[in-house]
Amino acid sequence: MTAKEKLNDLKVRAEKNALESIFPFWTSEFIVDKENGGFYGRVTKDMEIIKEEPRALVLTGRLVYAFSNAYMMFGDDIYLDRAKRAFDYLMRYFYDKEYGLAFSTVSHKGEVIDDNKPTYSESFFIMAAASYYHATKDPEAYRVAMESFRVMEEKVKISPAVYRNGFTRDWSGPAEMRFGGKPMRMPEGIMFQHHLCQAYEQLYRATGDPEVGKAVREFAEYMVDTLFDPEYDCFKGFMDMDGNRIGTRQSFGHDCEISYLALDMAELTGDEDLISRTKEVCTKVLRKVLENDFDSYGSLINGGDLLTGENEKSHVWWAQAEAVTAMLCGYQITGDDAFLDACIRQLDYIETYFVDRVNGDWHNNIVVDETGCHIVDGSHGFDKLNSGKCPFHNSHMCFEVIKRVGLLLSKQQ
């Protein structure tokens, strides 16, 4: 196949994955909670609905994002209906009218369980409001998106592109940072808030607001000048207040995700020098991933220790999706067919092993070896749907492939 034929095939496959695998599950009546509103908080891998599972801000915000962007891309009213359902639930039960932004967790009845405000989780509240406004021009979504942006800038920001890990409800003190319900004790460390970066990108594309644009530029400059680690040719995950790496644990999925995000943010600034520097950094990171971080089956390794070289055994759905977009971005930057071929191999792996041909969407975590494919426990557990397992990364992969292939093909004409 020629490069043009490969790109066209990628676009067709991305559309098919979105329209025939991912969204049929996430828009189904099966996950809609008709009694309490919104969507159920957990469905097991055996398709058992856990009706009393609490509802997470992260999952609800990501649902709004996925449905809103699906509506903008594909135009089907089912996506608008589901986006409205998720956004209305978010505003009714999660939105903190007194102190701003949103509660972390509510019960299946909508009662507040956790009112702490981890920056990681709050990012998806901003992203949800921004994407819903982008799709619908709803004035309330615009209001709450801009209000939340200003609270984040005034209460959480330490310095340009550096934000605290989280706060208590009234912003009076730091709160414990959690992932998947598990605490991460980093009292002296700062996590790079890449999801907040994504939220600001969506907000800027939706509004063009100059203050948001200023924050976008700060993120773009920080990713090139501070977040990039030239010792290992990757992006730092946790840092001290001065931007120095903490530990040698590395997430290769985040290297992929942050690479194309960094380039997107730089391009939004329109600064040609910044764009050029970002392309140089992203090429180094993506080349390192291409040459070192895929297994013999063509699947991205989740992560490992940079010092010992020990890697994780299982593969998680979200990192696989990010690898597809990142390798396509590498091809955009360099024109090197090795990136395009790696993108295709990763998508082959996803379609062979991750796509659930019985129930729709993707499996959560798997291991593939000489004995076959095994569904295993992992960073988001076994579940089909939970606070971390959602349609965010894989739908985003489909959107990105469709858009990036369109840009590449337009340049070839």
Protein backbone atom coordinates (compact mmCIF):
# COMPACT_ATOMS: atom_id res chain seq x y z
CA MET A 1 0.00 0.00 0.00
CA THR A 2 1.11 3.55 -0.67
CA ALA A 3 1.24 6.06 2.19
CA LYS A 4 -1.96 7.66 0.87
CA GLU A 5 -3.73 4.31 0.84
CA LYS A 6 -2.53 3.56 4.38
CA LEU A 7 -3.83 6.92 5.60
CA ASN A 8 -7.22 6.46 3.96
CA ASP A 9 -7.46 3.00 5.52
CA LEU A 10 -6.60 4.42 8.95
CA LYS A 11 -9.40 6.98 8.63
CA VAL A 12 -11.95 4.33 7.64
CA ARG A 13 -10.91 2.09 10.51
CA ALA A 14 -11.08 4.96 13.03
CA GLU A 15 -14.60 5.82 11.93
CA LYS A 16 -15.63 2.18 12.09
CA ASN A 17 -14.17 1.77 15.59
CA ALA A 18 -16.06 4.83 16.82
CA LEU A 19 -19.37 4.13 15.11
CA GLU A 20 -19.54 0.34 15.36
CA SER A 21 -17.62 -0.50 18.54
CA ILE A 22 -17.11 2.35 21.00
CA PHE A 23 -20.24 4.50 20.85
CA PRO A 24 -22.88 1.79 20.44
CA PHE A 25 -21.98 0.65 23.97
CA TRP A 26 -21.67 4.11 25.50
CA THR A 27 -24.89 5.45 23.98
CA SER A 28 -26.88 2.30 24.79
CA GLU A 29 -29.91 2.33 27.06
CA PHE A 30 -28.12 -0.40 29.02
CA ILE A 31 -25.92 2.07 30.93
CA VAL A 32 -28.57 4.79 31.39
CA ASP A 33 -29.86 5.07 34.96
CA LYS A 34 -33.52 5.91 34.36
CA GLU A 35 -34.35 5.90 38.07
CA ASN A 36 -31.66 8.23 39.43
CA GLY A 37 -30.51 10.11 36.34
CA GLY A 38 -27.26 10.13 34.48
CA PHE A 39 -25.41 6.90 33.86
CA TYR A 40 -24.48 3.95 36.04
CA GLY A 41 -21.13 4.18 37.81
CA ARG A 42 -19.95 0.63 37.25
CA VAL A 43 -20.50 -2.30 34.90
CA THR A 44 -18.37 -5.41 35.42
CA LYS A 45 -16.55 -7.26 32.67
CA ASP A 46 -19.39 -9.80 32.79
CA MET A 47 -21.86 -6.98 32.05
CA GLU A 48 -23.36 -6.85 35.54
CA ILE A 49 -24.63 -3.38 36.45
CA ILE A 50 -23.66 -2.28 39.98
CA LYS A 51 -26.57 0.09 40.51
CA GLU A 52 -25.43 1.57 43.83
CA GLU A 53 -21.89 2.38 42.66
CA PRO A 54 -20.99 6.03 43.39
CA ARG A 55 -20.67 8.41 40.47
CA ALA A 56 -17.28 9.96 39.72
CA LEU A 57 -16.60 13.44 38.41
CA VAL A 58 -13.90 12.01 36.13
CA LEU A 59 -16.24 9.56 34.41
CA THR A 60 -19.14 12.01 34.10
CA GLY A 61 -16.96 14.78 32.70
CA ARG A 62 -15.37 12.41 30.21
CA LEU A 63 -18.79 11.24 29.03
CA VAL A 64 -19.75 14.85 28.29
CA TYR A 65 -16.50 15.32 26.38
CA ALA A 66 -16.88 12.16 24.29
CA PHE A 67 -20.54 12.70 23.41
CA SER A 68 -20.08 16.41 22.63
CA ASN A 69 -17.15 15.79 20.31
CA ALA A 70 -18.91 12.84 18.68
CA TYR A 71 -21.85 15.14 17.94
CA MET A 72 -19.53 17.74 16.41
CA MET A 73 -17.80 15.13 14.25
CA PHE A 74 -20.62 12.77 13.25
CA GLY A 75 -23.75 14.88 13.73
CA ASP A 76 -26.07 12.14 15.02
CA ASP A 77 -28.63 13.43 17.53
CA ILE A 78 -28.04 10.45 19.85
CA TYR A 79 -24.70 12.04 20.80
CA LEU A 80 -26.35 15.37 21.55
CA ASP A 81 -28.98 13.60 23.67
CA ARG A 82 -26.35 11.75 25.69
CA ALA A 83 -24.14 14.81 26.04
CA LYS A 84 -27.09 16.78 27.43
CA ARG A 85 -27.99 13.98 29.83
CA ALA A 86 -24.43 13.80 31.19
CA PHE A 87 -23.98 17.59 31.35
CA ASP A 88 -27.31 18.13 33.11
CA TYR A 89 -26.36 15.50 35.69
CA LEU A 90 -22.96 17.12 36.14
CA MET A 91 -24.53 20.51 36.81
CA ARG A 92 -27.27 19.17 39.07
CA TYR A 93 -25.18 16.98 41.37
CA PHE A 94 -21.45 17.78 40.96
CA TYR A 95 -21.29 21.53 40.42
CA ASP A 96 -20.36 23.43 43.59
CA LYS A 97 -22.37 26.64 43.34
CA GLU A 98 -20.85 28.07 46.53
CA TYR A 99 -17.10 27.58 46.03
CA GLY A 100 -16.81 26.80 42.34
CA LEU A 101 -15.76 23.81 40.25
CA ALA A 102 -17.13 20.42 41.37
CA PHE A 103 -17.33 17.66 43.97
CA SER A 104 -15.21 14.55 43.31
CA THR A 105 -17.78 11.85 44.03
CA VAL A 106 -21.52 11.58 44.64
CA SER A 107 -23.66 8.58 45.52
CA HIS A 108 -25.95 6.91 43.00
CA LYS A 109 -28.66 9.13 44.52
CA GLY A 110 -26.61 12.29 43.94
CA GLU A 111 -25.55 12.84 47.56
CA VAL A 112 -22.05 14.28 47.99
CA ILE A 113 -19.59 11.65 49.19
CA ASP A 114 -16.26 13.40 48.57
CA ASP A 115 -16.10 17.18 48.29
CA ASN A 116 -12.33 17.42 47.82
CA LYS A 117 -11.11 18.93 44.57
CA PRO A 118 -8.17 17.09 43.01
CA THR A 119 -6.89 19.09 40.05
CA TYR A 120 -6.84 15.90 37.96
CA SER A 121 -10.60 15.44 38.46
CA GLU A 122 -11.51 19.12 38.21
CA SER A 123 -9.85 19.23 34.80
CA PHE A 124 -12.65 17.08 33.44
CA PHE A 125 -15.29 19.44 34.79
CA ILE A 126 -13.73 22.27 32.78
CA MET A 127 -13.28 20.00 29.77
CA ALA A 128 -16.91 18.92 29.97
CA ALA A 129 -18.28 22.46 30.13
CA ALA A 130 -15.94 23.61 27.35
CA SER A 131 -16.78 20.74 25.01
CA TYR A 132 -20.52 21.03 25.67
CA TYR A 133 -20.37 24.74 24.93
CA HIS A 134 -18.31 24.05 21.81
CA ALA A 135 -20.96 21.61 20.58
CA THR A 136 -24.13 23.46 21.60
CA LYS A 137 -23.26 27.13 22.32
CA ASP A 138 -25.20 26.70 25.58
CA PRO A 139 -24.65 29.96 27.54
CA GLU A 140 -24.68 28.19 30.92
CA ALA A 141 -21.90 25.88 29.78
CA TYR A 142 -19.88 28.91 28.69
CA ARG A 143 -20.48 30.65 31.99
CA VAL A 144 -19.43 27.72 34.13
CA ALA A 145 -16.44 26.90 31.92
CA MET A 146 -15.04 30.42 32.19
CA GLU A 147 -15.89 30.66 35.90
CA SER A 148 -14.05 27.37 36.52
CA PHE A 149 -11.07 28.51 34.46
CA ARG A 150 -10.74 31.65 36.59
CA VAL A 151 -11.05 29.72 39.86
CA MET A 152 -8.34 27.33 38.70
CA GLU A 153 -6.06 30.22 37.75
CA GLU A 154 -6.69 32.11 41.01
CA LYS A 155 -6.80 29.27 43.55
CA VAL A 156 -4.74 26.38 42.17
CA LYS A 157 -2.04 27.88 39.97
CA ILE A 158 1.43 28.23 41.49
CA SER A 159 3.33 29.63 38.50
CA PRO A 160 2.96 29.48 34.71
CA ALA A 161 1.73 25.95 33.76
CA VAL A 162 2.29 24.67 37.32
CA TYR A 163 -0.77 23.77 39.41
CA ARG A 164 -1.17 22.21 42.82
CA ASN A 165 -2.39 18.63 43.00
CA GLY A 166 -5.66 19.49 44.71
CA PHE A 167 -7.56 21.28 47.46
CA THR A 168 -10.33 20.89 49.97
CA ARG A 169 -13.76 22.11 48.93
CA ASP A 170 -13.32 25.73 50.03
CA TRP A 171 -9.72 25.97 48.71
CA SER A 172 -8.39 26.41 52.25
CA GLY A 173 -5.87 23.56 52.23
CA PRO A 174 -4.30 20.78 50.17
CA ALA A 175 -6.23 17.57 49.56
CA GLU A 176 -5.01 14.03 49.03
CA MET A 177 -4.42 13.16 45.39
CA ARG A 178 -6.14 9.96 44.24
CA PHE A 179 -6.18 7.77 41.17
CA GLY A 180 -8.82 5.09 40.85
CA GLY A 181 -9.73 5.61 44.50
CA LYS A 182 -6.16 5.00 45.65
CA PRO A 183 -4.15 7.74 47.39
CA MET A 184 -0.88 8.93 45.85
CA ARG A 185 1.28 10.44 48.52
CA MET A 186 3.37 13.15 46.88
CA PRO A 187 3.48 15.89 49.55
CA GLU A 188 6.46 17.67 48.00
CA GLY A 189 5.76 16.77 44.41
CA ILE A 190 3.75 18.29 41.60
CA MET A 191 2.12 16.24 38.88
CA PHE A 192 2.07 17.77 35.40
CA GLN A 193 -1.60 18.50 34.82
CA HIS A 194 -1.87 17.33 31.23
CA HIS A 195 -5.64 16.84 31.44
CA LEU A 196 -6.01 20.45 32.56
CA CYS A 197 -3.89 21.31 29.54
CA GLN A 198 -6.36 19.37 27.36
CA ALA A 199 -9.27 21.16 29.01
CA TYR A 200 -7.73 24.54 28.27
CA GLU A 201 -7.12 23.50 24.67
CA GLN A 202 -10.80 22.61 24.28
CA LEU A 203 -11.85 25.84 26.00
CA TYR A 204 -9.61 27.96 23.78
CA ARG A 205 -10.84 26.28 20.61
CA ALA A 206 -14.42 26.87 21.76
CA THR A 207 -14.07 30.50 22.89
CA GLY A 208 -10.86 32.07 21.60
CA ASP A 209 -10.66 33.87 24.96
CA PRO A 210 -7.30 35.71 25.23
CA GLU A 211 -6.78 34.82 28.91
CA VAL A 212 -7.23 31.15 28.08
CA GLY A 213 -4.86 31.68 25.16
CA LYS A 214 -2.25 33.05 27.56
CA ALA A 215 -2.52 29.89 29.71
CA VAL A 216 -2.27 27.76 26.56
CA ARG A 217 1.01 29.47 25.67
CA GLU A 218 2.33 28.90 29.19
CA PHE A 219 1.59 25.19 28.90
CA ALA A 220 3.23 25.00 25.48
CA GLU A 221 6.41 26.69 26.68
CA TYR A 222 6.56 24.63 29.87
CA MET A 223 6.29 21.32 28.02
CA VAL A 224 9.30 22.19 25.86
CA ASP A 225 11.46 24.04 28.38
CA THR A 226 10.79 22.18 31.66
CA LEU A 227 8.73 19.02 31.21
CA PHE A 228 11.02 17.50 28.59
CA ASP A 229 13.77 15.38 30.15
CA PRO A 230 16.82 15.36 27.81
CA GLU A 231 18.56 12.70 29.90
CA TYR A 232 15.96 10.08 28.97
CA ASP A 233 14.26 11.76 25.97
CA CYS A 234 10.86 11.62 27.61
CA PHE A 235 8.46 13.81 29.60
CA LYS A 236 8.59 13.97 33.38
CA GLY A 237 5.52 12.84 35.26
CA PHE A 238 6.17 13.98 38.83
CA MET A 239 8.46 16.87 39.70
CA ASP A 240 9.51 19.00 42.61
CA MET A 241 8.59 22.67 42.74
CA ASP A 242 11.60 23.53 40.55
CA GLY A 243 10.67 21.09 37.82
CA ASN A 244 13.21 18.39 38.69
CA ARG A 245 12.19 14.78 38.11
CA ILE A 246 11.02 12.74 41.10
CA GLY A 247 11.75 9.02 40.69
CA THR A 248 12.53 6.97 37.59
CA ARG A 249 9.07 5.45 36.98
CA GLN A 250 7.89 6.35 33.49
CA SER A 251 4.53 6.06 31.75
CA PHE A 252 5.06 5.49 28.04
CA GLY A 253 1.36 6.12 27.44
CA HIS A 254 1.79 9.62 28.83
CA ASP A 255 4.86 10.21 26.67
CA CYS A 256 2.62 9.47 23.70
CA GLU A 257 -0.28 11.58 24.95
CA ILE A 258 1.80 14.60 25.92
CA SER A 259 3.80 14.59 22.67
CA TYR A 260 0.92 15.34 20.34
CA LEU A 261 -0.72 17.56 22.96
CA ALA A 262 2.47 19.65 23.18
CA LEU A 263 2.48 20.15 19.43
CA ASP A 264 -1.22 21.04 19.37
CA MET A 265 -0.72 23.65 22.08
CA ALA A 266 2.30 25.16 20.34
CA GLU A 267 0.41 25.39 17.06
CA LEU A 268 -2.47 27.17 18.80
CA THR A 269 -0.04 29.96 19.77
CA GLY A 270 0.95 30.52 16.14
CA ASP A 271 4.57 31.10 17.29
CA GLU A 272 6.75 29.52 14.60
CA ASP A 273 9.84 29.38 16.81
CA LEU A 274 7.91 27.63 19.59
CA ILE A 275 6.35 25.25 17.07
CA SER A 276 9.80 24.39 15.68
CA ARG A 277 11.26 23.76 19.14
CA THR A 278 8.25 21.63 20.06
CA LYS A 279 8.60 19.54 16.91
CA GLU A 280 12.25 18.92 17.79
CA VAL A 281 11.41 17.80 21.33
CA CYS A 282 8.44 15.67 20.27
CA THR A 283 10.50 13.96 17.58
CA LYS A 284 13.04 12.90 20.21
CA VAL A 285 10.36 11.59 22.57
CA LEU A 286 8.39 9.78 19.87
CA ARG A 287 11.52 8.30 18.30
CA LYS A 288 12.50 6.91 21.69
CA VAL A 289 9.01 5.41 22.14
CA LEU A 290 9.08 3.97 18.63
CA GLU A 291 12.45 2.29 19.10
CA ASN A 292 12.17 1.14 22.72
CA ASP A 293 8.64 1.00 24.08
CA PHE A 294 6.68 -1.42 21.87
CA ASP A 295 6.61 -5.16 22.48
CA SER A 296 7.13 -7.85 19.86
CA TYR A 297 3.40 -7.86 19.04
CA GLY A 298 3.41 -4.15 18.16
CA SER A 299 1.70 -3.04 21.36
CA LEU A 300 2.84 -0.10 23.47
CA ILE A 301 4.21 -1.13 26.86
CA ASN A 302 2.34 0.76 29.59
CA GLY A 303 5.40 1.91 31.45
CA GLY A 304 8.47 0.90 33.37
CA ASP A 305 11.48 1.97 35.36
CA LEU A 306 13.98 4.05 33.42
CA LEU A 307 16.82 3.01 35.72
CA THR A 308 16.30 -0.76 35.92
CA GLY A 309 14.61 -1.27 32.55
CA GLU A 310 11.85 -3.37 34.16
CA ASN A 311 8.54 -2.96 32.32
CA GLU A 312 4.91 -3.66 33.13
CA LYS A 313 3.47 -6.90 31.79
CA SER A 314 -0.16 -6.02 31.14
CA HIS A 315 -1.48 -3.55 28.58
CA VAL A 316 -4.16 -0.98 29.38
CA TRP A 317 -6.76 0.28 26.92
CA TRP A 318 -6.00 3.99 27.19
CA ALA A 319 -2.26 3.78 26.52
CA GLN A 320 -2.94 1.69 23.40
CA ALA A 321 -5.22 4.41 22.07
CA GLU A 322 -2.69 7.16 22.80
CA ALA A 323 0.03 5.23 20.96
CA VAL A 324 -2.01 5.26 17.73
CA THR A 325 -2.39 9.05 17.80
CA ALA A 326 1.21 9.62 18.86
CA MET A 327 2.70 7.49 16.09
CA LEU A 328 0.52 9.27 13.54
CA CYS A 329 1.75 12.58 14.97
CA GLY A 330 5.33 11.33 14.58
CA TYR A 331 4.60 10.66 10.92
CA GLN A 332 3.12 14.16 10.55
CA ILE A 333 6.25 15.74 11.98
CA THR A 334 8.90 13.63 10.26
CA GLY A 335 7.34 11.93 7.24
CA ASP A 336 9.11 8.75 8.38
CA ASP A 337 7.13 5.68 7.30
CA ALA A 338 8.34 3.83 10.42
CA PHE A 339 5.94 5.96 12.48
CA LEU A 340 3.04 5.31 10.14
CA ASP A 341 3.72 1.57 10.17
CA ALA A 342 3.91 1.57 14.01
CA CYS A 343 0.56 3.40 14.10
CA ILE A 344 -1.00 0.73 11.88
CA ARG A 345 0.53 -2.13 13.87
CA GLN A 346 -0.83 -0.69 17.10
CA LEU A 347 -4.29 -0.32 15.60
CA ASP A 348 -4.06 -3.91 14.32
CA TYR A 349 -3.32 -5.02 17.89
CA ILE A 350 -6.27 -3.06 19.27
CA GLU A 351 -8.68 -4.49 16.71
CA THR A 352 -7.38 -8.03 17.24
CA TYR A 353 -7.26 -8.12 21.04
CA PHE A 354 -8.89 -5.09 22.70
CA VAL A 355 -12.13 -4.60 20.77
CA ASP A 356 -14.92 -6.52 22.48
CA ARG A 357 -16.77 -8.25 19.64
CA VAL A 358 -19.49 -9.50 21.98
CA ASN A 359 -20.47 -6.53 24.16
CA GLY A 360 -18.96 -3.58 22.31
CA ASP A 361 -16.28 -1.03 23.23
CA TRP A 362 -12.87 -2.34 24.39
CA HIS A 363 -11.56 -4.60 27.11
CA ASN A 364 -9.83 -2.88 30.02
CA ASN A 365 -6.47 -4.64 30.54
CA ILE A 366 -5.01 -7.61 28.68
CA VAL A 367 -1.90 -9.72 28.36
CA VAL A 368 -1.05 -11.39 25.05
CA ASP A 369 1.54 -14.16 25.00
CA GLU A 370 2.23 -17.46 23.25
CA THR A 371 -0.83 -18.97 24.95
CA GLY A 372 -3.21 -16.32 23.60
CA CYS A 373 -5.04 -13.23 24.88
CA HIS A 374 -5.95 -12.95 28.56
CA ILE A 375 -8.18 -10.32 30.19
CA VAL A 376 -6.40 -9.34 33.40
CA ASP A 377 -6.55 -6.89 36.28
CA GLY A 378 -4.72 -3.60 35.83
CA SER A 379 -4.69 0.11 36.53
CA HIS A 380 -8.44 0.42 35.89
CA GLY A 381 -9.38 -3.04 37.11
CA PHE A 382 -11.41 -5.61 35.18
CA ASP A 383 -14.54 -3.53 34.66
CA LYS A 384 -16.26 -2.61 31.46
CA LEU A 385 -17.25 0.74 32.95
CA ASN A 386 -16.04 2.43 36.11
CA SER A 387 -14.59 5.73 37.31
CA GLY A 388 -11.53 5.23 35.11
CA LYS A 389 -12.82 3.04 32.28
CA CYS A 390 -14.70 5.30 29.92
CA PRO A 391 -14.93 6.39 26.26
CA PHE A 392 -12.42 9.23 26.63
CA HIS A 393 -9.10 7.99 25.25
CA ASN A 394 -10.36 5.61 22.60
CA SER A 395 -12.97 7.99 21.18
CA HIS A 396 -10.34 10.74 21.27
CA MET A 397 -8.05 8.44 19.25
CA CYS A 398 -10.74 8.11 16.60
CA PHE A 399 -11.35 11.87 16.46
CA GLU A 400 -7.62 12.56 16.21
CA VAL A 401 -6.95 9.99 13.50
CA ILE A 402 -9.83 11.32 11.38
CA LYS A 403 -8.67 14.93 11.75
CA ARG A 404 -4.95 14.25 11.31
CA VAL A 405 -5.41 12.03 8.28
CA GLY A 406 -7.58 14.76 6.76
CA LEU A 407 -4.79 17.30 7.25
CA LEU A 408 -2.14 14.98 5.84
CA LEU A 409 -4.18 14.13 2.76
CA SER A 410 -5.03 17.78 2.12
CA LYS A 411 -1.32 18.60 2.02
CA GLN A 412 -0.70 15.86 -0.54
CA GLN A 413 -3.24 17.27 -3.00
